[in-house]
């Protein structure tokens, strides 16, 4: 009776005999076959806060000289550039620029030497005359002497539909009516621009 002997031949022995080339053996035993499946960690939420730095307005600090009218006439001239800088960073926000004035006086400021605020006009020009940056819609309001002048600190420029930071600048024309009851003299007053 014939017996068959089983032989266990290791990989090293096979390679040593040259029966299977080393490169071929490596190709059939790639480490990729032994890698674990890919894994993904849970996502990490990242947060931060963007803050605005407020809103401000500037106007000339030098004297604005108007034309020199006769009694009963109107003094007119440019105030100089007024600029609103809005760094609030709002989405859909708005702001309003207002103007106010003192009376215009000469001498001791008695009745005949005083021009009331109702006789002071402020014209910022048309919306197209306002220079802007950013996303903003501008509306202007001509404050006329016939309409009561700068009584009640009226809005002269309004901004709406704001998105992010923006600026707006204009050069208003000031008009001062000299009443027929006024006296001659060098008149002065102060016009103030504000924004909210």
Protein backbone atom coordinates (compact mmCIF):
# COMPACT_ATOMS: atom_id res chain seq x y z
CA UNK A 1 0.00 0.00 0.00
CA UNK A 2 1.49 3.38 -1.03
CA UNK A 3 1.48 6.29 1.40
CA UNK A 4 1.48 9.99 0.36
CA UNK A 5 3.42 12.34 2.53
CA UNK A 6 2.08 15.93 2.88
CA UNK A 7 4.68 18.67 2.93
CA UNK A 8 4.22 22.17 4.40
CA UNK A 9 6.41 24.63 2.56
CA UNK A 10 6.77 28.14 4.01
CA UNK A 11 6.80 31.34 2.01
CA UNK A 12 10.49 31.86 2.68
CA UNK A 13 11.27 28.37 1.39
CA UNK A 14 9.26 28.98 -1.76
CA UNK A 15 11.07 32.23 -2.41
CA UNK A 16 14.39 30.55 -1.71
CA UNK A 17 13.74 27.96 -4.39
CA UNK A 18 12.96 30.61 -6.94
CA UNK A 19 9.69 28.88 -7.86
CA UNK A 20 7.78 32.20 -7.32
CA UNK A 21 9.69 35.45 -7.94
CA UNK A 22 9.81 37.84 -4.94
CA UNK A 23 8.13 40.70 -6.88
CA UNK A 24 5.22 38.50 -7.85
CA UNK A 25 4.82 37.31 -4.29
CA UNK A 26 4.72 40.87 -3.00
CA UNK A 27 2.10 41.82 -5.58
CA UNK A 28 -0.19 39.05 -4.39
CA UNK A 29 0.24 39.88 -0.73
CA UNK A 30 -0.31 43.73 -0.75
CA UNK A 31 -0.70 45.28 2.68
CA UNK A 32 -3.90 46.94 1.43
CA UNK A 33 -5.57 43.60 1.85
CA UNK A 34 -4.92 43.83 5.57
CA UNK A 35 -5.91 47.50 6.19
CA UNK A 36 -8.96 48.43 8.31
CA UNK A 37 -11.91 50.31 6.65
CA UNK A 38 -11.63 54.19 6.54
CA UNK A 39 -13.20 56.15 9.44
CA UNK A 40 -14.39 59.77 9.82
CA UNK A 41 -14.55 61.70 13.10
CA UNK A 42 -17.69 63.72 13.93
CA UNK A 43 -17.66 67.32 12.61
CA UNK A 44 -16.55 70.15 14.92
CA UNK A 45 -18.70 73.30 15.14
CA UNK A 46 -16.67 76.51 14.83
CA UNK A 47 -18.16 79.85 15.99
CA UNK A 48 -17.12 83.50 16.21
CA UNK A 49 -18.82 86.89 16.62
CA UNK A 50 -18.46 89.84 14.25
CA UNK A 51 -18.95 93.19 16.01
CA UNK A 52 -19.55 96.65 14.58
CA UNK A 53 -17.69 99.74 15.73
CA UNK A 54 -20.53 102.27 15.68
CA UNK A 55 -21.54 105.26 13.60
CA UNK A 56 -20.20 108.80 13.44
CA UNK A 57 -20.48 112.08 11.55
CA UNK A 58 -17.98 114.77 10.66
CA UNK A 59 -18.41 118.35 9.42
CA UNK A 60 -16.04 121.25 8.74
CA UNK A 61 -14.57 122.96 11.79
CA UNK A 62 -13.49 126.00 9.79
CA UNK A 63 -15.79 128.98 9.27
CA UNK A 64 -18.16 128.81 6.30
CA UNK A 65 -18.54 132.24 4.73
CA UNK A 66 -21.87 132.93 3.00
CA UNK A 67 -22.62 135.63 0.46
CA UNK A 68 -23.19 139.16 1.78
CA UNK A 69 -26.82 140.21 1.19
CA UNK A 70 -28.64 143.47 1.73
CA UNK A 71 -31.39 143.80 4.34
CA UNK A 72 -34.32 141.73 3.11
CA UNK A 73 -32.01 139.55 0.99
CA UNK A 74 -30.70 136.01 1.50
CA UNK A 75 -27.17 134.92 2.34
CA UNK A 76 -26.21 131.63 0.68
CA UNK A 77 -23.17 129.40 0.46
CA UNK A 78 -21.77 125.92 0.99
CA UNK A 79 -21.24 124.60 4.48
CA UNK A 80 -18.53 122.16 3.42
CA UNK A 81 -18.53 118.37 3.24
CA UNK A 82 -20.53 116.49 5.87
CA UNK A 83 -19.83 112.75 6.08
CA UNK A 84 -21.49 109.87 7.91
CA UNK A 85 -19.33 106.80 8.55
CA UNK A 86 -21.45 103.80 9.49
CA UNK A 87 -19.43 100.83 10.78
CA UNK A 88 -22.30 99.11 12.56
CA UNK A 89 -22.34 96.31 9.99
CA UNK A 90 -26.14 96.07 9.98
CA UNK A 91 -28.24 93.98 7.62
CA UNK A 92 -31.24 96.03 6.54
CA UNK A 93 -30.40 98.86 8.94
CA UNK A 94 -30.94 102.60 8.62
CA UNK A 95 -29.68 105.93 9.94
CA UNK A 96 -30.88 109.55 9.93
CA UNK A 97 -28.73 112.66 9.72
CA UNK A 98 -30.30 115.79 11.20
CA UNK A 99 -29.33 119.45 11.26
CA UNK A 100 -29.91 122.18 13.79
CA UNK A 101 -28.89 125.80 14.11
CA UNK A 102 -28.57 128.59 16.58
CA UNK A 103 -29.99 132.01 15.79
CA UNK A 104 -27.72 134.30 13.78
CA UNK A 105 -26.76 137.43 15.66
CA UNK A 106 -24.67 140.54 15.47
CA UNK A 107 -23.73 143.10 18.11
CA UNK A 108 -25.48 142.41 21.40
CA UNK A 109 -28.00 140.08 19.80
CA UNK A 110 -31.08 142.14 20.57
CA UNK A 111 -34.27 141.70 18.56
CA UNK A 112 -33.10 143.77 15.60
CA UNK A 113 -29.72 141.99 15.66
CA UNK A 114 -31.09 138.45 15.64
CA UNK A 115 -32.14 136.24 12.73
CA UNK A 116 -34.37 133.35 13.94
CA UNK A 117 -33.82 129.67 13.08
CA UNK A 118 -36.99 129.72 11.01
CA UNK A 119 -35.07 131.88 8.53
CA UNK A 120 -32.25 129.34 8.08
CA UNK A 121 -32.46 126.77 5.27
CA UNK A 122 -30.36 123.64 4.59
CA UNK A 123 -30.26 121.92 1.20
CA UNK A 124 -28.18 118.71 1.02
CA UNK A 125 -28.85 118.37 -2.70
CA UNK A 126 -30.48 115.48 -4.54
CA UNK A 127 -29.81 111.88 -3.56
CA UNK A 128 -27.63 111.56 -6.65
CA UNK A 129 -25.43 114.33 -5.27
CA UNK A 130 -24.60 112.28 -2.16
CA UNK A 131 -21.39 110.27 -2.50
CA UNK A 132 -21.71 106.81 -0.95
CA UNK A 133 -19.75 103.63 -0.38
CA UNK A 134 -21.16 100.24 0.53
CA UNK A 135 -24.76 99.14 0.08
CA UNK A 136 -27.17 101.92 1.10
CA UNK A 137 -30.19 103.78 -0.28
CA UNK A 138 -30.13 107.56 0.30
CA UNK A 139 -33.04 110.00 0.58
CA UNK A 140 -32.44 113.75 0.97
CA UNK A 141 -34.67 116.47 2.41
CA UNK A 142 -34.39 120.11 1.36
CA UNK A 143 -35.14 122.19 4.44
CA UNK A 144 -36.54 125.45 3.10
CA UNK A 145 -37.09 128.78 4.81
CA UNK A 146 -40.64 128.79 3.48
CA UNK A 147 -41.19 125.48 5.26
CA UNK A 148 -40.06 126.78 8.64
CA UNK A 149 -36.29 126.42 8.32
CA UNK A 150 -34.30 124.29 10.72
CA UNK A 151 -37.00 124.26 13.37
CA UNK A 152 -37.13 120.98 15.29
CA UNK A 153 -33.82 119.48 14.09
CA UNK A 154 -35.21 118.00 10.86
CA UNK A 155 -33.76 115.02 9.01
CA UNK A 156 -31.67 116.18 6.06
CA UNK A 157 -30.30 112.84 4.81
CA UNK A 158 -31.75 109.39 5.51
CA UNK A 159 -30.23 106.01 4.74
CA UNK A 160 -32.15 102.73 4.39
CA UNK A 161 -31.62 99.21 3.00
CA UNK A 162 -28.16 99.10 4.53
CA UNK A 163 -26.03 95.98 4.22
CA UNK A 164 -22.74 96.12 6.09
CA UNK A 165 -20.52 99.17 6.51
CA UNK A 166 -21.23 102.30 4.47
CA UNK A 167 -20.45 105.99 4.15
CA UNK A 168 -22.31 108.99 2.75
CA UNK A 169 -21.06 112.52 2.18
CA UNK A 170 -22.68 115.72 0.92
CA UNK A 171 -21.98 119.46 0.75
CA UNK A 172 -25.12 121.32 1.84
CA UNK A 173 -26.08 124.79 0.74
CA UNK A 174 -27.05 127.04 3.63
CA UNK A 175 -29.41 129.95 3.18
CA UNK A 176 -30.17 132.66 5.72
CA UNK A 177 -32.94 135.18 5.09
CA UNK A 178 -32.21 138.62 6.49
CA UNK A 179 -35.49 140.10 7.78
CA UNK A 180 -36.48 143.56 6.66
CA UNK A 181 -36.37 144.58 10.33
CA UNK A 182 -32.73 143.52 10.76
CA UNK A 183 -29.86 145.93 11.14
CA UNK A 184 -26.53 145.87 9.38
CA UNK A 185 -23.62 144.00 10.93
CA UNK A 186 -21.51 140.85 10.82
CA UNK A 187 -23.83 137.96 11.67
CA UNK A 188 -22.78 134.53 12.83
CA UNK A 189 -24.41 131.36 14.03
CA UNK A 190 -23.61 127.68 14.41
CA UNK A 191 -25.09 124.81 12.39
CA UNK A 192 -24.74 121.33 13.90
CA UNK A 193 -25.05 118.00 12.07
CA UNK A 194 -25.98 114.84 13.97
CA UNK A 195 -26.67 111.19 13.11
CA UNK A 196 -28.69 108.48 14.81
